[in-house]
């Protein structure tokens, strides 16, 4: 800085005045700053972040349970319904319930109003007469996946967001279903209606024991600061839809059922009313081992008269899914609707195919076809109107999953999907699908709309083809056989596949596995009743039955070779197109199966199994061995009369192995 004569620095010249007039001459320059926010505190600012949803549809003219009611009254009645579900039978009244997260601060009251009204607005509470009235049970009602992610990550140990956006969870000590701990109440009605005894999955309990377990579960749930409540539907057929309520203690369970059941619209939720069936899932809280009929700390109990299910001592979410499937196996046949453990897809021309098969038979792979629409992967109903998916989601196995093998499942594992018991890299959160450290039964549960070619709504016309899949490791069943009705019933009741088991000497040999109706663990009635309904519907609507072997050819496991997937796909394509109906057929020995002599794209020599065996005597012995296994298994069903006489029963028996 220049100095004046005094040695002091000279004063600066004032800067030129900045002209801020704009072109319009209003005296202002361009200003990109925003107006001041309305919030006076950080909490109020956070409340502005969450916008309250507007009503989706006008309520005028609605005929639902809560139609034409003011919002406050509708919410009060919804809370009353939930409180009634949680009612203790000894007290005769439900707990005091209020909506919202108990962790929310009182200073965040504005936030409660800012959330969607159907799960965060506080409403009048319901009083009870004992000490339970001194606390609130907070209800987290039909939360969105994003809200459930927050709850799981914050409060449930073992919950993480993976690199794909899916929520990884742990199911605790139980990583699969506990069929030996499943109980069904035997009363005057179910004693005569259900399948009991040898081979049946239904293990009896009495009404009193069920109520003891129910009280234990309800008391536990009411003792918590918060519970998760899902009101959802089963069955895409609108005329036969079932309303279900799931009360659970974990966000993981709530998100799982959000994905697996059919998700209601906001309007349907507002008018949901009283559920047709309720699940009380107490999760890790055990049953009392000293209670009659209990054999462990785990119990899953069905009471069909009360329309309730109680879960104690297991956090495995699949118990809820399969418990409801058992309920549908009881309710639907009463309406002359056949419930089925099957995959289902539809061609562009409307031709529907059902796929039955146990684990390892290729049911998922073959029913997932990019040239066809997926109606569902696991549970279906066949009514007078056609087929419908029972569920709103898919429950896929994840062990050894790869993008190349199962691209649709791989791509479905994203935000909103539940990943059960998988192992992932602690830093990148990338899932190691081949890692069995927790369990081999790793699973992904996701909404069906995550599959690109899913048909929505998940309904279709009557099936043209019923495909029974078997992975025959004995290597004696043909790659494909056309079945008559009696044969279809026989093989449907048998539910055969073969697994490979190792012996102490290191020799591997096939082991036959039979599961009635390809899902014995879930059926409620005698298998022949479902088989008779299947035959009736197939005959009425002109469906054809097929037995497809995806297992071995040219010898048993260890000497023969697995039938190439490309050949099986060609066979399935020929079934879908109808060309296989016009083929020339020959009859086999022992099983009496009709096999085609030629299929385009499939070597003719493999169509008749004995042609592929070098040792014809070994083939014959193995064939007779498998036939004997079928006969031994079917002895469970031989004395059951179908219809007014034994004629149909005899026809089914005659359709089995004959030697």
Foldseek 3Di string as FASTA:
>chain_A
DDPDPVRDRDDDDDDDDDQAADPVRPRHHDDPDDDDDPDPDPLVVVLVVFAEDDDPDDLPPDPFQCGPHPPQVLLVQVQLLVQCVLDQPVQNTGAWEWADDPPDDPVNLSNLVRYYVNGRPTHGTDAGDDPSNVAYAYERELDDLVVLLVQCVVPPPQWDQFLQQFIEHEFPPDQDDDLVQEEEEDDPVLVPFWDDDPLASHDYDHPVLVSLLSNVLSVLSSVDNYWYKYWFWFWLPVVDIFTEIEIERGSLLSLLQCAWAHHDDPVCVSRVPHGQAYERESRQAFDDCPRPPHDDRWHWYHYLVVRYIYTGRTRHNVCVVLVVLLSCLPPQVVVLKFKAFWWWKAAPVQAIETEFAAPPQCRQVLSDDPRIATLGRTIWIQDPFAIHGGIQKDKDFQAVDDCVRCVLVVQQRHNSKYKYPFDADPPNSHTDNNDQPRHNRIIIIGGPVSRPRHDPPSGGHHHQEYEYTEAALQAQDFQKFWDDLLLLLLCQQFNWYWDWDADPVRDIFIDIDGAGNSPSNRHTHRSSVSSVSVSVSCVVVVHIYMYGHQHFAQGGPPGTDGDDPVQSSQVVVCVSVVVVVVFDWDFDAFQRTTWGQDGPPHPSQRRRRCSSYPDNVSSVVSSVVVLVVSVVSCVVPLPDDDDPGNVSSVSNVVNGTDD
